Amino acid sequence: MNTKQLDQIRSGKGFIAALDQSGGSTPKALQQYGVQESSYSNDEEMFELVHEMRTRIIKSPAFDSRYIIGAILFENTMDRTIDEQFTADYLWEKKGIVPFLKVDKGLAELEDGVQLMKPIPDLNELLKRAGKRNIFGTKMRSVIKEANAAGIKKVVEQQFSIGKQVLDMGLVPIIEPEVDIYSEDKAASEKILKDEIFAQLSTLSQDEKVMLKLSIPTEDNFYSELMEQPQVIRIVALSGGYTQKEANDKLERNQGLIASFSRALSQGLNVNQTDDEFNAMLSKSIQNIYKASIT
C-alpha cells in the first residue's frame, strides 16, 4: 500500500470525485453533459465520448489536489490513457490525486427492501489488474430502499465479504451501502445500517482498514461514532440525487463527513462550453463542494 496515498486519504483536506458512471448510467451522464444518444451508435463510441468528458474534467486546472484528494474511476476508464499515461498514473503523478476503482457489476433486483450487488465472478483478476494499474482502493455499491432488517443485514454482510477480498489483494475497499434518499423510512434504515456496520467492523482486525461511502444522514452527525473506529479510514458521502446545493447544505451540517459526489460535481458542465466556460463552472462546483467538505 502506498503510505503517502493512505495519509492523503486519511487526513487530507478536500473530497473524492466520483467519475465512475458505468454502462447503465453512462447515457444519463452524457445526456447531462449535453451529448445525446443519437451521437453514438454502440458501446465503444459511447465509452469513447464519456472518456473524453472525464479527460476534460481531470485535465482542467480546476481539478486540483488542493481540493480533491481522490477520484473513483470506472474499469473502462482505468484501462484508457490520458496524454499517453494510464488514467490512474496520470491522476497521481500529474495531479497528486489518489485513484480508486469501481468494481461492482451493478445491482440485483429488489428483494427484502434492498438491492444487493450482482455477482462479481472475475473479482480477483480485476483486483490484480487494478494493482498493476496502481489503483489504491475500490468502490462497490448496494442500495437500501426500505427499513427491512433482514435485507440491510444481507447488504452489509455482502459488502464486507467483498471488502475482505479487496483487503487480501492489498487494496482499500470503499464500502457503499447507499440508503435511497427518497425512502419513506430513511432514518429507520440508517439506524439499522449503522448497527450492522458496527457488527461487521468488529470482525476486522485493527490493521484491516476500510472506508465507508454513505448517504448524507437524516440526523446530523449520525455517523460520528463510526468515524472513531480504528478500522475506518474515512467516511465519504454520496450526493444520491440531491442537487449540488442541497447536497452541500446537508454535508456542511455533518462534521468530518466529506463529499464523494458524481452528478453534483458535474452539474452545469456541457460539451458545448468553451474551455474557459467549462473550467469556470467546474471550479465553482469544486470550490463549493470543498467548502462543504471541510466544515
C-alpha atoms as a PDB file:
ATOM      1  CA  MET A   1       0.000   0.000   0.000  1.00  0.00           C
ATOM      2  CA  ASN A   2       1.230   3.486  -0.860  1.00  0.00           C
ATOM      3  CA  THR A   3       1.604   5.161   2.557  1.00  0.00           C
ATOM      4  CA  LYS A   4       1.660   8.667   1.075  1.00  0.00           C
ATOM      5  CA  GLN A   5      -1.684   7.989  -0.598  1.00  0.00           C
ATOM      6  CA  LEU A   6      -3.048   6.481   2.637  1.00  0.00           C
ATOM      7  CA  ASP A   7      -2.064   9.592   4.598  1.00  0.00           C
ATOM      8  CA  GLN A   8      -3.698  11.815   1.976  1.00  0.00           C
ATOM      9  CA  ILE A   9      -6.981   9.885   2.107  1.00  0.00           C
ATOM     10  CA  ARG A  10      -6.969   9.630   5.889  1.00  0.00           C
ATOM     11  CA  SER A  11      -6.200  13.240   6.755  1.00  0.00           C
ATOM     12  CA  GLY A  12      -6.111  15.365   3.593  1.00  0.00           C
ATOM     13  CA  LYS A  13      -8.427  18.340   3.245  1.00  0.00           C
ATOM     14  CA  GLY A  14     -10.802  18.006   0.328  1.00  0.00           C
ATOM     15  CA  PHE A  15     -13.161  15.477  -1.204  1.00  0.00           C
ATOM     16  CA  ILE A  16     -13.283  12.481  -3.536  1.00  0.00           C
ATOM     17  CA  ALA A  17     -14.547  12.987  -7.080  1.00  0.00           C
ATOM     18  CA  ALA A  18     -16.755  10.158  -8.367  1.00  0.00           C
ATOM     19  CA  LEU A  19     -16.081   9.707 -12.097  1.00  0.00           C
ATOM     20  CA  ASP A  20     -17.286   6.120 -12.183  1.00  0.00           C
ATOM     21  CA  GLN A  21     -20.551   6.061 -14.135  1.00  0.00           C
ATOM     22  CA  SER A  22     -20.656   2.615 -15.745  1.00  0.00           C
ATOM     23  CA  GLY A  23     -22.549   1.072 -18.679  1.00  0.00           C
ATOM     24  CA  GLY A  24     -26.042   1.579 -17.302  1.00  0.00           C
ATOM     25  CA  SER A  25     -25.553   5.137 -16.074  1.00  0.00           C
ATOM     26  CA  THR A  26     -23.246   6.414 -18.816  1.00  0.00           C
ATOM     27  CA  PRO A  27     -26.044   7.512 -21.217  1.00  0.00           C
ATOM     28  CA  LYS A  28     -27.570   9.651 -18.462  1.00  0.00           C
ATOM     29  CA  ALA A  29     -24.167  11.151 -17.586  1.00  0.00           C
ATOM     30  CA  LEU A  30     -23.559  12.012 -21.237  1.00  0.00           C
ATOM     31  CA  GLN A  31     -27.038  13.474 -21.611  1.00  0.00           C
ATOM     32  CA  GLN A  32     -26.443  15.679 -18.572  1.00  0.00           C
ATOM     33  CA  TYR A  33     -23.247  16.807 -20.335  1.00  0.00           C
ATOM     34  CA  GLY A  34     -25.207  17.664 -23.491  1.00  0.00           C
ATOM     35  CA  VAL A  35     -24.335  14.564 -25.547  1.00  0.00           C
ATOM     36  CA  GLN A  36     -27.472  12.876 -26.857  1.00  0.00           C
ATOM     37  CA  GLU A  37     -27.810   9.151 -27.560  1.00  0.00           C
ATOM     38  CA  SER A  38     -28.002   9.923 -31.275  1.00  0.00           C
ATOM     39  CA  SER A  39     -24.314  10.957 -31.055  1.00  0.00           C
ATOM     40  CA  TYR A  40     -23.143   7.345 -30.739  1.00  0.00           C
ATOM     41  CA  SER A  41     -24.224   4.033 -32.217  1.00  0.00           C
ATOM     42  CA  ASN A  42     -22.569   1.447 -29.947  1.00  0.00           C
ATOM     43  CA  ASP A  43     -20.951   1.000 -26.545  1.00  0.00           C
ATOM     44  CA  GLU A  44     -17.420   1.628 -27.786  1.00  0.00           C
ATOM     45  CA  GLU A  45     -18.399   5.028 -29.196  1.00  0.00           C
ATOM     46  CA  MET A  46     -20.322   5.799 -26.001  1.00  0.00           C
ATOM     47  CA  PHE A  47     -17.336   4.958 -23.773  1.00  0.00           C
ATOM     48  CA  GLU A  48     -15.022   6.992 -26.010  1.00  0.00           C
ATOM     49  CA  LEU A  49     -17.267  10.034 -25.551  1.00  0.00           C
ATOM     50  CA  VAL A  50     -17.516   9.609 -21.786  1.00  0.00           C
ATOM     51  CA  HIS A  51     -13.731   9.216 -21.571  1.00  0.00           C
ATOM     52  CA  GLU A  52     -13.377  12.492 -23.450  1.00  0.00           C
ATOM     53  CA  MET A  53     -15.672  14.089 -20.869  1.00  0.00           C
ATOM     54  CA  ARG A  54     -13.720  12.645 -17.947  1.00  0.00           C
ATOM     55  CA  THR A  55     -10.412  13.604 -19.539  1.00  0.00           C
ATOM     56  CA  ARG A  56     -11.637  17.177 -19.887  1.00  0.00           C
ATOM     57  CA  ILE A  57     -12.593  17.207 -16.200  1.00  0.00           C
ATOM     58  CA  ILE A  58      -9.348  15.632 -14.987  1.00  0.00           C
ATOM     59  CA  LYS A  59      -7.108  17.860 -17.128  1.00  0.00           C
ATOM     60  CA  SER A  60      -8.920  21.031 -16.108  1.00  0.00           C
ATOM     61  CA  PRO A  61      -6.800  23.348 -13.926  1.00  0.00           C
ATOM     62  CA  ALA A  62      -9.780  23.400 -11.550  1.00  0.00           C
ATOM     63  CA  PHE A  63      -9.322  19.668 -10.869  1.00  0.00           C
ATOM     64  CA  ASP A  64      -6.612  20.214  -8.272  1.00  0.00           C
ATOM     65  CA  SER A  65      -5.277  18.180  -5.334  1.00  0.00           C
ATOM     66  CA  ARG A  66      -5.630  21.223  -3.093  1.00  0.00           C
ATOM     67  CA  TYR A  67      -9.348  20.474  -3.163  1.00  0.00           C
ATOM     68  CA  ILE A  68      -9.686  16.889  -4.455  1.00  0.00           C
ATOM     69  CA  ILE A  69      -7.854  14.120  -2.586  1.00  0.00           C
ATOM     70  CA  GLY A  70      -9.100  11.137  -4.602  1.00  0.00           C
ATOM     71  CA  ALA A  71     -11.072  10.114  -7.677  1.00  0.00           C
ATOM     72  CA  ILE A  72     -13.124   6.976  -8.406  1.00  0.00           C
ATOM     73  CA  LEU A  73     -12.823   5.514 -11.888  1.00  0.00           C
ATOM     74  CA  PHE A  74     -14.845   3.055 -13.962  1.00  0.00           C
ATOM     75  CA  GLU A  75     -12.968  -0.048 -15.216  1.00  0.00           C
ATOM     76  CA  ASN A  76     -13.110   1.196 -18.805  1.00  0.00           C
ATOM     77  CA  THR A  77     -11.544   4.488 -17.699  1.00  0.00           C
ATOM     78  CA  MET A  78      -8.783   2.683 -15.792  1.00  0.00           C
ATOM     79  CA  ASP A  79      -7.780   0.888 -18.987  1.00  0.00           C
ATOM     80  CA  ARG A  80      -7.676   4.076 -21.069  1.00  0.00           C
ATOM     81  CA  THR A  81      -4.990   6.741 -21.185  1.00  0.00           C
ATOM     82  CA  ILE A  82      -4.656  10.480 -20.763  1.00  0.00           C
ATOM     83  CA  ASP A  83      -1.692  12.019 -22.580  1.00  0.00           C
ATOM     84  CA  GLU A  84      -0.245   8.510 -23.088  1.00  0.00           C
ATOM     85  CA  GLN A  85      -0.410   7.617 -19.394  1.00  0.00           C
ATOM     86  CA  PHE A  86      -2.921   5.237 -17.884  1.00  0.00           C
ATOM     87  CA  THR A  87      -5.593   7.280 -16.138  1.00  0.00           C
ATOM     88  CA  ALA A  88      -4.626   6.261 -12.591  1.00  0.00           C
ATOM     89  CA  ASP A  89      -0.974   7.146 -13.208  1.00  0.00           C
ATOM     90  CA  TYR A  90      -1.967  10.497 -14.689  1.00  0.00           C
ATOM     91  CA  LEU A  91      -4.151  11.236 -11.665  1.00  0.00           C
ATOM     92  CA  TRP A  92      -1.403  10.514  -9.151  1.00  0.00           C
ATOM     93  CA  GLU A  93       1.738  11.583 -10.998  1.00  0.00           C
ATOM     94  CA  LYS A  94       0.384  14.692 -12.741  1.00  0.00           C
ATOM     95  CA  LYS A  95      -2.383  15.743 -10.365  1.00  0.00           C
ATOM     96  CA  GLY A  96      -1.470  14.278  -6.968  1.00  0.00           C
ATOM     97  CA  ILE A  97      -4.940  12.699  -6.701  1.00  0.00           C
ATOM     98  CA  VAL A  98      -5.393   9.148  -5.355  1.00  0.00           C
ATOM     99  CA  PRO A  99      -7.108   6.728  -7.802  1.00  0.00           C
ATOM    100  CA  PHE A 100      -9.904   4.313  -6.824  1.00  0.00           C
ATOM    101  CA  LEU A 101     -11.796   1.812  -8.987  1.00  0.00           C
ATOM    102  CA  LYS A 102     -15.487   0.887  -9.087  1.00  0.00           C
ATOM    103  CA  VAL A 103     -15.556  -2.928  -9.104  1.00  0.00           C
ATOM    104  CA  ASP A 104     -19.214  -3.905  -8.800  1.00  0.00           C
ATOM    105  CA  LYS A 105     -21.216  -5.141 -11.782  1.00  0.00           C
ATOM    106  CA  GLY A 106     -24.427  -3.304 -10.937  1.00  0.00           C
ATOM    107  CA  LEU A 107     -27.453  -4.064  -8.790  1.00  0.00           C
ATOM    108  CA  ALA A 108     -29.596  -7.164  -8.448  1.00  0.00           C
ATOM    109  CA  GLU A 109     -33.404  -6.968  -8.418  1.00  0.00           C
ATOM    110  CA  LEU A 110     -35.158  -5.553  -5.368  1.00  0.00           C
ATOM    111  CA  GLU A 111     -35.659  -8.150  -2.632  1.00  0.00           C
ATOM    112  CA  ASP A 112     -36.309  -7.671   1.104  1.00  0.00           C
ATOM    113  CA  GLY A 113     -36.344  -3.913   0.525  1.00  0.00           C
ATOM    114  CA  VAL A 114     -32.775  -3.807  -0.826  1.00  0.00           C
ATOM    115  CA  GLN A 115     -30.726  -4.284  -3.965  1.00  0.00           C
ATOM    116  CA  LEU A 116     -27.651  -6.405  -3.410  1.00  0.00           C
ATOM    117  CA  MET A 117     -24.737  -6.334  -5.809  1.00  0.00           C
ATOM    118  CA  LYS A 118     -24.779  -8.697  -8.741  1.00  0.00           C
ATOM    119  CA  PRO A 119     -22.109 -11.422  -8.552  1.00  0.00           C
ATOM    120  CA  ILE A 120     -18.565 -10.329  -9.446  1.00  0.00           C
ATOM    121  CA  PRO A 121     -17.136 -13.590 -10.815  1.00  0.00           C
ATOM    122  CA  ASP A 122     -13.839 -12.146 -12.030  1.00  0.00           C
ATOM    123  CA  LEU A 123     -13.136 -10.004  -8.979  1.00  0.00           C
ATOM    124  CA  ASN A 124      -9.684 -11.354  -8.112  1.00  0.00           C
ATOM    125  CA  GLU A 125      -8.487 -10.920 -11.692  1.00  0.00           C
ATOM    126  CA  LEU A 126      -9.868  -7.390 -11.757  1.00  0.00           C
ATOM    127  CA  LEU A 127      -8.135  -6.609  -8.457  1.00  0.00           C
ATOM    128  CA  LYS A 128      -4.842  -7.938  -9.825  1.00  0.00           C
ATOM    129  CA  ARG A 129      -5.210  -5.662 -12.862  1.00  0.00           C
ATOM    130  CA  ALA A 130      -6.076  -2.765 -10.584  1.00  0.00           C
ATOM    131  CA  GLY A 131      -2.901  -3.355  -8.600  1.00  0.00           C
ATOM    132  CA  LYS A 132      -0.852  -3.324 -11.810  1.00  0.00           C
ATOM    133  CA  ARG A 133      -2.586  -0.070 -12.817  1.00  0.00           C
ATOM    134  CA  ASN A 134      -1.549   1.495  -9.460  1.00  0.00           C
ATOM    135  CA  ILE A 135      -5.083   1.738  -8.088  1.00  0.00           C
ATOM    136  CA  PHE A 136      -5.211   2.475  -4.343  1.00  0.00           C
ATOM    137  CA  GLY A 137      -8.684   1.220  -3.486  1.00  0.00           C
ATOM    138  CA  THR A 138     -12.051   0.056  -4.741  1.00  0.00           C
ATOM    139  CA  LYS A 139     -15.709   1.003  -4.505  1.00  0.00           C
ATOM    140  CA  MET A 140     -18.824  -1.146  -4.707  1.00  0.00           C
ATOM    141  CA  ARG A 141     -22.445  -0.022  -4.341  1.00  0.00           C
ATOM    142  CA  SER A 142     -25.612  -1.564  -2.936  1.00  0.00           C
ATOM    143  CA  VAL A 143     -28.935   0.223  -2.367  1.00  0.00           C
ATOM    144  CA  ILE A 144     -31.309   0.168   0.593  1.00  0.00           C
ATOM    145  CA  LYS A 145     -34.908   1.140  -0.215  1.00  0.00           C
ATOM    146  CA  GLU A 146     -36.733   0.107   2.962  1.00  0.00           C
ATOM    147  CA  ALA A 147     -36.005  -0.321   6.672  1.00  0.00           C
ATOM    148  CA  ASN A 148     -36.004  -4.103   6.327  1.00  0.00           C
ATOM    149  CA  ALA A 149     -33.605  -5.510   8.939  1.00  0.00           C
ATOM    150  CA  ALA A 150     -33.034  -8.799   7.119  1.00  0.00           C
ATOM    151  CA  GLY A 151     -32.342  -7.068   3.812  1.00  0.00           C
ATOM    152  CA  ILE A 152     -29.980  -4.486   5.314  1.00  0.00           C
ATOM    153  CA  LYS A 153     -28.072  -7.224   7.121  1.00  0.00           C
ATOM    154  CA  LYS A 154     -27.577  -9.030   3.791  1.00  0.00           C
ATOM    155  CA  VAL A 155     -26.346  -5.815   2.151  1.00  0.00           C
ATOM    156  CA  VAL A 156     -23.747  -5.119   4.828  1.00  0.00           C
ATOM    157  CA  GLU A 157     -22.587  -8.729   5.028  1.00  0.00           C
ATOM    158  CA  GLN A 158     -22.106  -8.831   1.255  1.00  0.00           C
ATOM    159  CA  GLN A 159     -20.260  -5.519   1.246  1.00  0.00           C
ATOM    160  CA  PHE A 160     -17.812  -6.602   3.943  1.00  0.00           C
ATOM    161  CA  SER A 161     -17.332 -10.064   2.436  1.00  0.00           C
ATOM    162  CA  ILE A 162     -16.190  -8.476  -0.818  1.00  0.00           C
ATOM    163  CA  GLY A 163     -14.302  -5.838   1.145  1.00  0.00           C
ATOM    164  CA  LYS A 164     -12.218  -8.577   2.753  1.00  0.00           C
ATOM    165  CA  GLN A 165     -11.338  -9.945  -0.695  1.00  0.00           C
ATOM    166  CA  VAL A 166     -10.187  -6.451  -1.636  1.00  0.00           C
ATOM    167  CA  LEU A 167      -8.099  -6.168   1.542  1.00  0.00           C
ATOM    168  CA  ASP A 168      -6.485  -9.545   0.831  1.00  0.00           C
ATOM    169  CA  MET A 169      -5.307  -8.145  -2.508  1.00  0.00           C
ATOM    170  CA  GLY A 170      -3.641  -5.166  -0.841  1.00  0.00           C
ATOM    171  CA  LEU A 171      -6.239  -2.538  -1.767  1.00  0.00           C
ATOM    172  CA  VAL A 172      -8.545  -0.422   0.404  1.00  0.00           C
ATOM    173  CA  PRO A 173     -12.286  -1.029  -0.085  1.00  0.00           C
ATOM    174  CA  ILE A 174     -14.882   1.731  -0.033  1.00  0.00           C
ATOM    175  CA  ILE A 175     -17.986   0.072   1.423  1.00  0.00           C
ATOM    176  CA  GLU A 176     -21.071   1.745  -0.130  1.00  0.00           C
ATOM    177  CA  PRO A 177     -24.477   0.658   1.208  1.00  0.00           C
ATOM    178  CA  GLU A 178     -26.481   3.607  -0.151  1.00  0.00           C
ATOM    179  CA  VAL A 179     -29.770   4.475   1.537  1.00  0.00           C
ATOM    180  CA  ASP A 180     -32.201   5.828  -1.067  1.00  0.00           C
ATOM    181  CA  ILE A 181     -32.765   9.494  -0.243  1.00  0.00           C
ATOM    182  CA  TYR A 182     -36.407   9.153  -1.298  1.00  0.00           C
ATOM    183  CA  SER A 183     -37.101   6.258   1.089  1.00  0.00           C
ATOM    184  CA  GLU A 184     -40.078   6.933   3.360  1.00  0.00           C
ATOM    185  CA  ASP A 185     -38.259   5.339   6.298  1.00  0.00           C
ATOM    186  CA  LYS A 186     -34.734   6.598   5.561  1.00  0.00           C
ATOM    187  CA  ALA A 187     -33.904   7.413   9.197  1.00  0.00           C
ATOM    188  CA  ALA A 188     -35.007   3.959  10.359  1.00  0.00           C
ATOM    189  CA  SER A 189     -32.900   2.349   7.627  1.00  0.00           C
ATOM    190  CA  GLU A 190     -29.879   4.372   8.739  1.00  0.00           C
ATOM    191  CA  LYS A 191     -30.235   3.174  12.332  1.00  0.00           C
ATOM    192  CA  ILE A 192     -30.297  -0.476  11.247  1.00  0.00           C
ATOM    193  CA  LEU A 193     -27.444   0.162   8.827  1.00  0.00           C
ATOM    194  CA  LYS A 194     -25.215   1.723  11.471  1.00  0.00           C
ATOM    195  CA  ASP A 195     -25.738  -1.212  13.830  1.00  0.00           C
ATOM    196  CA  GLU A 196     -24.893  -3.694  11.065  1.00  0.00           C
ATOM    197  CA  ILE A 197     -21.759  -1.757  10.094  1.00  0.00           C
ATOM    198  CA  PHE A 198     -20.581  -1.817  13.713  1.00  0.00           C
ATOM    199  CA  ALA A 199     -21.176  -5.578  13.795  1.00  0.00           C
ATOM    200  CA  GLN A 200     -19.081  -6.105  10.649  1.00  0.00           C
ATOM    201  CA  LEU A 201     -16.295  -3.753  11.776  1.00  0.00           C
ATOM    202  CA  SER A 202     -15.923  -5.941  14.866  1.00  0.00           C
ATOM    203  CA  THR A 203     -14.912  -8.834  12.577  1.00  0.00           C
ATOM    204  CA  LEU A 204     -11.920  -6.878  11.242  1.00  0.00           C
ATOM    205  CA  SER A 205      -8.541  -6.598  12.898  1.00  0.00           C
ATOM    206  CA  GLN A 206      -7.310  -3.109  13.713  1.00  0.00           C
ATOM    207  CA  ASP A 207      -4.841  -3.456  10.835  1.00  0.00           C
ATOM    208  CA  GLU A 208      -7.639  -4.033   8.310  1.00  0.00           C
ATOM    209  CA  LYS A 209      -8.727  -0.606   7.094  1.00  0.00           C
ATOM    210  CA  VAL A 210     -11.869   0.279   5.145  1.00  0.00           C
ATOM    211  CA  MET A 211     -13.654   3.395   4.007  1.00  0.00           C
ATOM    212  CA  LEU A 212     -17.399   3.959   4.088  1.00  0.00           C
ATOM    213  CA  LYS A 213     -19.469   5.778   1.460  1.00  0.00           C
ATOM    214  CA  LEU A 214     -22.897   6.591   2.849  1.00  0.00           C
ATOM    215  CA  SER A 215     -25.914   8.718   2.049  1.00  0.00           C
ATOM    216  CA  ILE A 216     -25.915  12.000   3.978  1.00  0.00           C
ATOM    217  CA  PRO A 217     -27.800  11.032   7.155  1.00  0.00           C
ATOM    218  CA  THR A 218     -31.236  12.316   8.114  1.00  0.00           C
ATOM    219  CA  GLU A 219     -29.929  13.164  11.596  1.00  0.00           C
ATOM    220  CA  ASP A 220     -26.901  15.444  11.507  1.00  0.00           C
ATOM    221  CA  ASN A 221     -23.623  13.817  12.644  1.00  0.00           C
ATOM    222  CA  PHE A 222     -25.349  10.422  12.906  1.00  0.00           C
ATOM    223  CA  TYR A 223     -22.214   8.593  11.756  1.00  0.00           C
ATOM    224  CA  SER A 224     -19.744  10.361  14.079  1.00  0.00           C
ATOM    225  CA  GLU A 225     -19.234   7.221  16.196  1.00  0.00           C
ATOM    226  CA  LEU A 226     -18.265   5.237  13.105  1.00  0.00           C
ATOM    227  CA  MET A 227     -15.591   7.816  12.297  1.00  0.00           C
ATOM    228  CA  GLU A 228     -13.910   6.996  15.618  1.00  0.00           C
ATOM    229  CA  GLN A 229     -13.465   3.295  14.827  1.00  0.00           C
ATOM    230  CA  PRO A 230      -9.823   2.305  14.233  1.00  0.00           C
ATOM    231  CA  GLN A 231     -10.728   0.259  11.131  1.00  0.00           C
ATOM    232  CA  VAL A 232     -12.393   3.241   9.410  1.00  0.00           C
ATOM    233  CA  ILE A 233     -10.003   5.432   7.429  1.00  0.00           C
ATOM    234  CA  ARG A 234     -12.657   7.933   6.347  1.00  0.00           C
ATOM    235  CA  ILE A 235     -16.375   8.303   5.716  1.00  0.00           C
ATOM    236  CA  VAL A 236     -17.439   9.966   2.479  1.00  0.00           C
ATOM    237  CA  ALA A 237     -20.924  10.981   1.373  1.00  0.00           C
ATOM    238  CA  LEU A 238     -22.696  10.408  -1.922  1.00  0.00           C
ATOM    239  CA  SER A 239     -24.990  13.061  -3.365  1.00  0.00           C
ATOM    240  CA  GLY A 240     -27.659  10.454  -4.095  1.00  0.00           C
ATOM    241  CA  GLY A 241     -29.804  12.565  -6.393  1.00  0.00           C
ATOM    242  CA  TYR A 242     -29.743  15.805  -4.400  1.00  0.00           C
ATOM    243  CA  THR A 243     -28.864  18.944  -6.317  1.00  0.00           C
ATOM    244  CA  GLN A 244     -25.388  20.240  -5.651  1.00  0.00           C
ATOM    245  CA  LYS A 245     -26.713  22.974  -3.339  1.00  0.00           C
ATOM    246  CA  GLU A 246     -28.928  20.562  -1.404  1.00  0.00           C
ATOM    247  CA  ALA A 247     -26.072  18.084  -1.008  1.00  0.00           C
ATOM    248  CA  ASN A 248     -23.614  20.790   0.076  1.00  0.00           C
ATOM    249  CA  ASP A 249     -26.047  22.293   2.584  1.00  0.00           C
ATOM    250  CA  LYS A 250     -26.648  18.892   4.180  1.00  0.00           C
ATOM    251  CA  LEU A 251     -22.965  17.969   4.095  1.00  0.00           C
ATOM    252  CA  GLU A 252     -21.941  21.173   5.878  1.00  0.00           C
ATOM    253  CA  ARG A 253     -24.004  20.129   8.887  1.00  0.00           C
ATOM    254  CA  ASN A 254     -22.067  16.866   9.299  1.00  0.00           C
ATOM    255  CA  GLN A 255     -18.630  17.398  10.792  1.00  0.00           C
ATOM    256  CA  GLY A 256     -15.911  15.123   9.468  1.00  0.00           C
ATOM    257  CA  LEU A 257     -18.016  13.865   6.565  1.00  0.00           C
ATOM    258  CA  ILE A 258     -16.550  14.681   3.145  1.00  0.00           C
ATOM    259  CA  ALA A 259     -18.104  14.519  -0.303  1.00  0.00           C
ATOM    260  CA  SER A 260     -17.765  11.823  -2.919  1.00  0.00           C
ATOM    261  CA  PHE A 261     -20.112  13.384  -5.448  1.00  0.00           C
ATOM    262  CA  SER A 262     -20.794  12.382  -9.050  1.00  0.00           C
ATOM    263  CA  ARG A 263     -23.847  14.115 -10.533  1.00  0.00           C
ATOM    264  CA  ALA A 264     -23.480  17.043  -8.140  1.00  0.00           C
ATOM    265  CA  LEU A 265     -19.854  17.503  -9.231  1.00  0.00           C
ATOM    266  CA  SER A 266     -20.597  17.570 -12.967  1.00  0.00           C
ATOM    267  CA  GLN A 267     -23.757  19.662 -12.643  1.00  0.00           C
ATOM    268  CA  GLY A 268     -23.726  22.523 -15.140  1.00  0.00           C
ATOM    269  CA  LEU A 269     -20.932  21.151 -17.334  1.00  0.00           C
ATOM    270  CA  ASN A 270     -21.668  20.987 -21.054  1.00  0.00           C
ATOM    271  CA  VAL A 271     -19.833  19.670 -24.094  1.00  0.00           C
ATOM    272  CA  ASN A 272     -20.535  22.914 -25.970  1.00  0.00           C
ATOM    273  CA  GLN A 273     -18.927  25.181 -23.383  1.00  0.00           C
ATOM    274  CA  THR A 274     -15.652  26.858 -24.245  1.00  0.00           C
ATOM    275  CA  ASP A 275     -12.710  25.737 -22.137  1.00  0.00           C
ATOM    276  CA  ASP A 276     -12.932  28.965 -20.143  1.00  0.00           C
ATOM    277  CA  GLU A 277     -16.648  28.444 -19.504  1.00  0.00           C
ATOM    278  CA  PHE A 278     -16.152  24.783 -18.648  1.00  0.00           C
ATOM    279  CA  ASN A 279     -13.250  25.439 -16.276  1.00  0.00           C
ATOM    280  CA  ALA A 280     -15.094  28.288 -14.556  1.00  0.00           C
ATOM    281  CA  MET A 281     -18.175  26.128 -13.962  1.00  0.00           C
ATOM    282  CA  LEU A 282     -16.105  23.191 -12.718  1.00  0.00           C
ATOM    283  CA  SER A 283     -14.050  25.466 -10.467  1.00  0.00           C
ATOM    284  CA  LYS A 284     -17.209  26.904  -8.909  1.00  0.00           C
ATOM    285  CA  SER A 285     -18.573  23.417  -8.224  1.00  0.00           C
ATOM    286  CA  ILE A 286     -15.286  22.177  -6.781  1.00  0.00           C
ATOM    287  CA  GLN A 287     -14.921  25.185  -4.500  1.00  0.00           C
ATOM    288  CA  ASN A 288     -18.472  24.808  -3.181  1.00  0.00           C
ATOM    289  CA  ILE A 289     -18.098  21.060  -2.572  1.00  0.00           C
ATOM    290  CA  TYR A 290     -14.677  21.593  -0.970  1.00  0.00           C
ATOM    291  CA  LYS A 291     -16.082  24.212   1.393  1.00  0.00           C
ATOM    292  CA  ALA A 292     -18.872  21.860   2.451  1.00  0.00           C
ATOM    293  CA  SER A 293     -16.350  19.035   2.972  1.00  0.00           C
ATOM    294  CA  ILE A 294     -14.004  20.859   5.347  1.00  0.00           C
ATOM    295  CA  THR A 295     -16.583  22.010   7.897  1.00  0.00           C
END
